[in-house]
N, C-alpha and C. Protein backbone atom coordinates (compact mmCIF):
# COMPACT_ATOMS: atom_id res chain seq x y z
N UNK A 1 8.39 -30.17 14.04
CA UNK A 1 9.20 -30.21 13.26
C UNK A 1 8.01 -29.24 12.19
N UNK A 2 8.43 -28.02 11.67
CA UNK A 2 7.80 -27.09 10.81
C UNK A 2 7.36 -27.75 9.31
N UNK A 3 6.77 -27.09 8.67
CA UNK A 3 6.16 -27.71 7.20
C UNK A 3 6.87 -26.29 6.19
N UNK A 4 7.27 -27.19 4.94
CA UNK A 4 7.93 -25.81 3.94
C UNK A 4 6.80 -25.90 3.41
N UNK A 5 6.19 -24.74 3.19
CA UNK A 5 5.05 -24.29 2.06
C UNK A 5 5.62 -23.31 1.45
N UNK A 6 5.38 -22.69 -0.23
CA UNK A 6 5.48 -21.67 -0.67
C UNK A 6 4.39 -20.77 -0.70
N UNK A 7 4.86 -19.54 -0.85
CA UNK A 7 3.67 -18.29 -0.96
C UNK A 7 2.66 -18.85 -2.05
N UNK A 8 3.14 -19.79 -3.02
CA UNK A 8 1.94 -19.70 -4.41
C UNK A 8 1.69 -20.63 -4.40
N UNK A 9 1.45 -21.61 -2.85
CA UNK A 9 0.89 -22.98 -2.85
C UNK A 9 -0.62 -22.74 -2.47
N UNK A 10 -1.53 -23.59 -3.32
CA UNK A 10 -2.76 -23.60 -3.49
C UNK A 10 -3.66 -23.47 -2.13
N UNK A 11 -3.19 -23.47 -0.65
CA UNK A 11 -3.13 -24.24 0.67
C UNK A 11 -3.10 -22.39 1.13
N UNK A 12 -2.58 -21.64 0.40
CA UNK A 12 -2.31 -20.57 1.09
C UNK A 12 -3.01 -19.40 0.45
N UNK A 13 -3.13 -18.31 1.25
CA UNK A 13 -4.19 -17.51 0.72
C UNK A 13 -3.37 -16.45 1.14
N UNK A 14 -3.64 -15.55 -0.43
CA UNK A 14 -2.82 -14.35 -0.33
C UNK A 14 -3.23 -13.09 -0.07
N UNK A 15 -2.96 -12.20 0.75
CA UNK A 15 -3.66 -11.17 0.66
C UNK A 15 -2.88 -9.59 0.35
N UNK A 16 -3.34 -8.47 -0.28
CA UNK A 16 -2.52 -7.40 0.04
C UNK A 16 -2.79 -6.31 0.88
N UNK A 17 -2.16 -6.29 1.68
CA UNK A 17 -1.84 -5.07 2.53
C UNK A 17 -0.94 -4.65 2.52
N UNK A 18 -1.06 -3.00 3.67
CA UNK A 18 -0.49 -1.79 3.74
C UNK A 18 0.22 -1.77 4.70
N UNK A 19 1.49 -0.99 4.28
CA UNK A 19 1.94 -0.56 5.81
C UNK A 19 1.48 1.01 5.99
N UNK A 20 1.14 1.27 7.53
CA UNK A 20 0.88 2.42 7.70
C UNK A 20 1.54 2.74 8.73
N UNK A 21 1.55 4.52 9.25
CA UNK A 21 1.72 5.00 10.25
C UNK A 21 1.16 4.27 11.76
N UNK A 22 2.16 4.19 12.86
CA UNK A 22 1.65 3.93 13.68
C UNK A 22 1.38 4.75 14.76
N UNK A 23 0.32 5.22 15.09
CA UNK A 23 -0.71 6.32 15.40
C UNK A 23 0.36 7.47 15.02
N UNK A 24 0.94 8.64 16.04
CA UNK A 24 1.48 9.75 15.67
C UNK A 24 3.39 9.69 15.48
N UNK A 25 3.74 8.12 15.37
CA UNK A 25 4.79 7.98 15.38
C UNK A 25 5.41 7.68 13.52
N UNK A 26 6.15 7.58 13.53
CA UNK A 26 6.85 7.67 11.96
C UNK A 26 7.31 5.87 11.76
N UNK A 27 7.15 5.48 12.55
CA UNK A 27 7.05 3.55 13.14
C UNK A 27 6.00 3.24 11.95
N UNK A 28 6.58 2.07 10.71
CA UNK A 28 5.34 1.47 10.54
C UNK A 28 4.65 0.20 11.13
N UNK A 29 3.23 0.15 10.65
CA UNK A 29 2.65 -1.06 11.75
C UNK A 29 2.01 -1.78 10.05
N UNK A 30 1.26 -2.77 10.24
CA UNK A 30 0.80 -3.21 8.67
C UNK A 30 -1.02 -3.34 9.41
N UNK A 31 -1.34 -2.99 8.69
CA UNK A 31 -2.84 -2.92 8.19
C UNK A 31 -3.46 -3.92 7.87
N UNK A 32 -3.94 -4.79 8.64
CA UNK A 32 -4.27 -5.99 7.61
C UNK A 32 -5.32 -6.11 7.25
N UNK A 33 -6.11 -7.00 6.04
CA UNK A 33 -6.83 -6.83 5.02
C UNK A 33 -8.50 -7.42 5.97
N UNK A 34 -9.63 -6.76 5.25
CA UNK A 34 -10.73 -7.60 6.23
C UNK A 34 -10.77 -9.27 6.80
N UNK A 35 -10.56 -9.19 5.24
CA UNK A 35 -10.27 -10.72 4.82
C UNK A 35 -9.77 -12.19 5.61
N UNK A 36 -8.75 -11.26 6.83
CA UNK A 36 -7.65 -11.92 7.59
C UNK A 36 -8.64 -12.97 8.75
N UNK A 37 -8.51 -13.93 9.12
CA UNK A 37 -8.83 -14.77 10.21
C UNK A 37 -7.92 -14.28 11.22
N UNK A 38 -8.42 -13.16 11.57
CA UNK A 38 -7.78 -12.56 12.83
C UNK A 38 -8.59 -11.60 13.59
N UNK A 39 -8.79 -11.57 14.71
CA UNK A 39 -9.57 -10.38 15.61
C UNK A 39 -8.49 -9.71 16.49
N UNK A 40 -9.03 -8.52 17.10
CA UNK A 40 -8.11 -7.96 18.13
C UNK A 40 -7.95 -8.95 19.34
N UNK A 41 -6.67 -9.15 19.39
CA UNK A 41 -6.35 -9.56 20.79
C UNK A 41 -5.17 -10.66 20.66
N UNK A 42 -5.77 -11.34 19.13
CA UNK A 42 -4.76 -12.45 18.67
C UNK A 42 -3.51 -12.14 18.78
N UNK A 43 -2.80 -13.12 19.37
CA UNK A 43 -1.51 -13.09 18.76
C UNK A 43 -1.30 -14.41 17.94
N UNK A 44 -0.43 -13.99 16.72
CA UNK A 44 0.02 -14.56 15.84
C UNK A 44 1.15 -14.81 15.88
N UNK A 45 1.62 -15.45 14.66
CA UNK A 45 2.97 -15.75 14.27
C UNK A 45 3.21 -15.03 12.98
N UNK A 46 4.40 -14.32 13.20
CA UNK A 46 4.47 -13.71 11.55
C UNK A 46 5.72 -13.76 11.20
N UNK A 47 6.24 -14.77 10.33
CA UNK A 47 7.29 -14.79 9.35
C UNK A 47 7.80 -14.11 8.80
N UNK A 48 9.18 -13.76 8.96
CA UNK A 48 9.74 -11.67 8.58
C UNK A 48 11.28 -12.62 7.97
N UNK A 49 11.41 -12.93 6.71
CA UNK A 49 12.87 -13.25 6.02
C UNK A 49 12.80 -14.68 6.96
N UNK A 50 12.27 -15.64 6.84
CA UNK A 50 12.33 -16.84 7.51
C UNK A 50 12.09 -16.67 8.84
N UNK A 51 12.05 -15.86 9.54
CA UNK A 51 12.46 -16.01 11.15
C UNK A 51 11.17 -16.08 11.49
N UNK A 52 10.63 -16.52 12.69
CA UNK A 52 8.94 -16.32 13.20
C UNK A 52 9.20 -15.54 14.63
N UNK A 53 8.20 -14.57 14.13
CA UNK A 53 7.90 -13.34 15.32
C UNK A 53 6.30 -13.76 15.70
N UNK A 54 6.81 -13.02 16.89
CA UNK A 54 4.75 -13.06 17.60
C UNK A 54 4.36 -11.75 17.24
N UNK A 55 3.08 -11.57 16.93
CA UNK A 55 2.61 -10.17 16.63
C UNK A 55 0.84 -10.43 17.38
N UNK A 56 0.93 -9.26 18.29
CA UNK A 56 -0.35 -8.64 19.11
C UNK A 56 -1.93 -8.37 17.78
N UNK A 57 -2.76 -8.50 17.47
CA UNK A 57 -3.11 -7.61 16.17
C UNK A 57 -4.51 -6.87 17.03
N UNK A 58 -3.74 -5.75 16.89
CA UNK A 58 -4.73 -4.20 17.47
C UNK A 58 -5.72 -3.99 16.29
N UNK A 59 -6.90 -3.22 16.93
CA UNK A 59 -7.53 -2.44 16.03
C UNK A 59 -7.87 -0.68 15.95
N UNK A 60 -8.45 -0.58 15.42
CA UNK A 60 -8.39 0.91 15.42
C UNK A 60 -10.00 1.41 14.77
N UNK A 61 -9.95 2.31 14.73
CA UNK A 61 -11.33 3.00 13.43
C UNK A 61 -11.02 2.48 12.32
N UNK A 62 -10.19 2.12 11.84
CA UNK A 62 -10.00 1.59 10.20
C UNK A 62 -10.07 0.33 10.35
N UNK A 63 -9.47 -0.80 11.29
CA UNK A 63 -10.01 -2.05 11.09
C UNK A 63 -8.67 -2.69 12.02
N UNK A 64 -8.25 -4.02 11.58
CA UNK A 64 -7.58 -4.79 12.30
C UNK A 64 -5.86 -4.52 11.81
N UNK A 65 -5.07 -4.60 12.94
CA UNK A 65 -3.12 -3.85 12.63
C UNK A 65 -2.41 -4.76 13.45
N UNK A 66 -1.60 -4.41 12.97
CA UNK A 66 -0.02 -4.99 13.65
C UNK A 66 0.62 -4.19 13.94
N UNK A 67 1.20 -3.38 15.21
CA UNK A 67 1.84 -2.37 15.37
C UNK A 67 3.82 -2.61 15.94
N UNK A 68 4.06 -4.44 15.70
CA UNK A 68 4.76 -4.48 16.20
C UNK A 68 5.03 -5.88 16.12
N UNK A 69 6.48 -6.68 15.52
CA UNK A 69 6.53 -8.45 15.68
C UNK A 69 7.93 -8.33 16.93
N UNK A 70 7.79 -9.27 17.81
CA UNK A 70 8.68 -9.03 18.34
C UNK A 70 9.38 -10.94 18.47
N UNK A 71 10.55 -10.97 19.23
CA UNK A 71 11.01 -12.42 19.51
C UNK A 71 10.08 -13.79 20.00
N UNK A 72 9.43 -12.70 20.94
CA UNK A 72 8.27 -13.80 21.83
C UNK A 72 7.30 -13.14 22.10
N UNK A 73 6.23 -14.49 22.69
CA UNK A 73 4.92 -13.95 22.98
C UNK A 73 4.89 -12.68 24.52
N UNK A 74 5.66 -12.76 25.55
CA UNK A 74 5.72 -12.07 26.41
C UNK A 74 6.43 -10.30 25.84
N UNK A 75 6.99 -10.25 24.80
CA UNK A 75 7.27 -8.86 24.45
C UNK A 75 5.87 -8.61 23.38
N UNK A 76 5.26 -9.12 23.30
CA UNK A 76 4.06 -8.19 22.38
C UNK A 76 2.95 -7.86 23.65
N UNK A 77 3.35 -8.55 24.56
CA UNK A 77 2.20 -7.39 25.95
C UNK A 77 3.39 -6.49 26.42
N UNK A 78 4.51 -6.50 26.32
CA UNK A 78 5.49 -5.48 26.83
C UNK A 78 6.68 -4.67 25.86
N UNK A 79 6.19 -4.61 24.93
CA UNK A 79 6.94 -4.33 23.85
C UNK A 79 8.20 -3.14 23.65
N UNK A 80 8.07 -2.26 24.34
CA UNK A 80 9.22 -1.36 25.06
C UNK A 80 10.46 -2.31 24.99
N UNK A 81 10.11 -3.46 25.64
CA UNK A 81 11.57 -4.06 26.18
C UNK A 81 12.28 -5.05 25.11
N UNK A 82 11.57 -5.01 23.62
CA UNK A 82 12.10 -5.67 22.90
C UNK A 82 12.30 -5.24 21.41
N UNK A 83 12.94 -5.84 20.67
CA UNK A 83 13.09 -4.94 19.32
C UNK A 83 12.38 -5.32 18.14
N UNK A 84 11.72 -4.31 17.76
CA UNK A 84 10.29 -4.78 16.89
C UNK A 84 11.05 -4.88 15.40
N UNK A 85 10.69 -6.18 15.10
CA UNK A 85 11.69 -7.26 14.32
C UNK A 85 10.49 -6.56 12.58
N UNK A 86 9.54 -5.81 12.81
CA UNK A 86 8.81 -5.13 11.72
C UNK A 86 9.03 -4.26 11.12
N UNK A 87 9.62 -3.51 12.08
CA UNK A 87 10.02 -2.03 11.81
C UNK A 87 11.69 -2.53 11.28
N UNK A 88 12.19 -3.57 11.66
CA UNK A 88 13.56 -3.94 11.11
C UNK A 88 13.35 -4.38 9.61
N UNK A 89 12.00 -4.95 9.51
CA UNK A 89 12.36 -6.20 8.17
C UNK A 89 11.55 -4.56 7.26
N UNK A 90 10.82 -3.56 7.25
CA UNK A 90 10.39 -2.50 6.73
C UNK A 90 11.76 -1.97 6.38
N UNK A 91 12.74 -1.48 7.25
CA UNK A 91 14.02 -1.10 6.88
C UNK A 91 14.92 -1.60 5.80
N UNK A 92 15.04 -3.18 6.27
CA UNK A 92 15.81 -3.70 5.25
C UNK A 92 15.16 -3.59 3.66
N UNK A 93 13.79 -3.81 3.80
CA UNK A 93 13.13 -3.93 2.43
C UNK A 93 13.11 -2.78 2.05
N UNK A 94 13.34 -2.02 2.60
CA UNK A 94 13.07 -0.18 2.05
C UNK A 94 11.24 -0.18 2.00
N UNK A 95 10.77 -0.32 2.86
CA UNK A 95 9.30 -0.17 2.58
C UNK A 95 8.85 0.89 3.56
N UNK A 96 7.93 1.41 3.62
CA UNK A 96 7.16 2.86 4.45
C UNK A 96 5.72 2.74 4.54
N UNK A 97 5.00 3.33 5.20
CA UNK A 97 3.77 3.66 5.61
C UNK A 97 3.54 3.95 3.58
N UNK A 98 2.36 3.45 3.62
CA UNK A 98 1.60 3.57 2.38
C UNK A 98 2.24 2.53 1.49
N UNK A 99 3.31 1.78 1.27
CA UNK A 99 3.74 1.15 0.90
C UNK A 99 2.42 -0.59 0.66
N UNK A 100 2.80 -1.12 -0.30
CA UNK A 100 1.88 -2.21 -0.48
C UNK A 100 2.75 -3.54 0.24
N UNK A 101 2.30 -4.74 0.56
CA UNK A 101 3.32 -5.51 0.59
C UNK A 101 1.98 -6.93 0.41
N UNK A 102 2.70 -8.04 0.70
CA UNK A 102 1.88 -9.45 0.37
C UNK A 102 1.63 -10.01 1.90
N UNK A 103 0.59 -10.57 2.75
CA UNK A 103 0.02 -11.06 3.46
C UNK A 103 -0.08 -12.62 3.29
N UNK A 104 0.86 -13.78 3.38
CA UNK A 104 0.12 -14.91 3.15
C UNK A 104 -0.27 -15.50 4.23
N UNK A 105 -1.94 -16.33 4.58
CA UNK A 105 -2.08 -16.82 5.37
C UNK A 105 -1.73 -18.01 5.58
N UNK A 106 -0.90 -18.51 6.11
CA UNK A 106 -0.15 -20.02 6.14
C UNK A 106 -1.14 -20.76 6.74
N UNK A 107 -1.64 -20.31 8.27
CA UNK A 107 -2.38 -21.40 9.06
C UNK A 107 -3.34 -20.34 9.48
N UNK A 108 -4.65 -20.25 8.98
CA UNK A 108 -5.85 -19.03 9.78
C UNK A 108 -5.51 -19.06 10.89
N UNK A 109 -5.58 -17.78 11.50
CA UNK A 109 -5.74 -16.93 12.74
C UNK A 109 -4.71 -17.43 13.91
N UNK A 110 -3.29 -18.18 13.20
CA UNK A 110 -2.34 -18.71 13.49
C UNK A 110 -0.98 -17.95 13.00
N UNK A 111 -0.67 -18.03 11.96
CA UNK A 111 0.42 -17.74 10.89
C UNK A 111 0.51 -17.23 10.13
N UNK A 112 0.84 -16.15 9.80
CA UNK A 112 1.20 -15.57 8.65
C UNK A 112 2.66 -15.17 8.20
N UNK A 113 2.55 -14.66 6.92
CA UNK A 113 3.97 -14.49 6.18
C UNK A 113 4.01 -13.74 5.67
N UNK A 114 5.26 -12.41 5.90
CA UNK A 114 5.30 -11.07 4.76
C UNK A 114 6.11 -10.99 4.15
N UNK A 115 5.88 -10.21 2.82
CA UNK A 115 6.84 -10.59 1.68
C UNK A 115 6.39 -9.57 1.24
N UNK A 116 7.52 -9.07 -0.46
CA UNK A 116 7.20 -7.72 -1.21
C UNK A 116 6.77 -8.78 -1.92
N UNK A 117 6.04 -7.81 -2.49
CA UNK A 117 5.03 -7.56 -3.29
C UNK A 117 5.67 -8.64 -5.03
N UNK A 118 5.19 -9.61 -5.50
CA UNK A 118 6.01 -10.04 -6.35
C UNK A 118 7.24 -11.30 -6.03
N UNK A 119 7.52 -10.77 -4.98
CA UNK A 119 8.65 -12.27 -4.05
C UNK A 119 7.89 -13.55 -3.96
N UNK A 120 8.36 -14.32 -4.26
CA UNK A 120 7.88 -15.61 -3.70
C UNK A 120 8.96 -16.23 -2.96
N UNK A 121 8.38 -16.46 -1.67
CA UNK A 121 9.11 -17.44 -0.54
C UNK A 121 8.72 -18.87 -0.24
N UNK A 122 9.58 -19.41 0.13
CA UNK A 122 9.29 -20.67 0.72
C UNK A 122 9.12 -20.31 2.33
N UNK A 123 7.98 -21.10 3.18
CA UNK A 123 8.11 -20.40 4.82
C UNK A 123 8.51 -22.10 5.39
N UNK A 124 9.02 -22.09 6.38
CA UNK A 124 9.20 -22.98 7.55
C UNK A 124 8.01 -22.38 8.38
N UNK A 125 6.51 -23.49 8.23
CA UNK A 125 5.91 -22.84 9.09
C UNK A 125 5.64 -23.95 10.56
N UNK A 126 5.66 -23.00 11.80
CA UNK A 126 5.63 -23.65 12.76
C UNK A 126 4.45 -24.78 13.17
N UNK A 127 4.51 -25.34 13.85
CA UNK A 127 2.74 -26.05 14.36
C UNK A 127 2.49 -25.53 15.39
N UNK A 128 1.12 -25.51 15.23
CA UNK A 128 0.59 -24.42 16.59
C UNK A 128 0.59 -25.72 18.03
N UNK A 129 0.97 -24.54 18.81
CA UNK A 129 1.35 -25.47 19.89
C UNK A 129 0.38 -26.03 20.64
N UNK A 130 0.19 -27.26 21.97
CA UNK A 130 -0.45 -28.03 22.59
C UNK A 130 -1.29 -27.19 23.00
N UNK A 131 -2.66 -27.71 22.62
CA UNK A 131 -3.47 -26.07 23.28
C UNK A 131 -3.68 -26.23 24.78
N UNK A 132 -3.49 -28.11 25.67
CA UNK A 132 -3.70 -27.94 26.83
C UNK A 132 -2.28 -27.34 27.49
N UNK A 133 -1.19 -27.18 26.95
CA UNK A 133 0.07 -26.41 27.15
C UNK A 133 -0.35 -24.76 27.40
N UNK A 134 -0.83 -24.51 26.29
CA UNK A 134 -0.81 -23.18 25.99
C UNK A 134 -2.14 -22.60 27.06
N UNK A 135 -3.13 -22.82 27.53
CA UNK A 135 -3.95 -23.13 28.44
C UNK A 135 -3.07 -23.56 29.75
N UNK A 136 -2.56 -23.72 29.85
CA UNK A 136 -1.75 -23.81 31.49
C UNK A 136 -1.06 -22.72 31.32
N UNK A 137 -0.19 -22.33 30.55
CA UNK A 137 0.73 -21.59 30.52
C UNK A 137 -0.26 -20.02 30.21
N UNK A 138 -1.02 -19.84 29.63
CA UNK A 138 -1.69 -18.63 30.62
C UNK A 138 -2.76 -18.43 30.99
N UNK A 139 -2.59 -19.03 32.24
CA UNK A 139 -3.33 -18.83 33.28
C UNK A 139 -2.59 -18.77 34.07
N UNK A 140 -1.36 -18.87 34.02
CA UNK A 140 0.20 -18.76 35.21
C UNK A 140 0.34 -17.28 34.70
N UNK A 141 0.14 -16.76 33.32
CA UNK A 141 0.31 -15.37 32.72
C UNK A 141 -0.13 -14.41 33.88
N UNK A 142 -2.03 -14.76 34.12
CA UNK A 142 -2.89 -14.24 34.67
C UNK A 142 -2.95 -14.09 35.63
């Protein structure tokens, strides 16, 4: 069962983030703030308009970023196979590279929400998976 939390709740840390270009493409990516509790290689949940997606944190010379958000964790490793929900979200909200967005840290290192500046959202925050089950799944992937 998920927990419902508003973006302006005292337990939620709000960050100003920006959209950037993903390499030489025109596709937007999410430039993460330095204070976010993530590292390159982490796979986090990114909530987009009430939909829980999976996103792999990467890094470049300027810091941490997310190039895409996908329907499941497998697609974060093999992105050409799935729809990039971050690109869809940007298109739906008319957001482009260099635009500001709000990144809500709902469960540090695990779950984040993305919203337009000034909007208030209520998130359905998923629970963290059972670590022992996640370890088994990871060992089967390797």
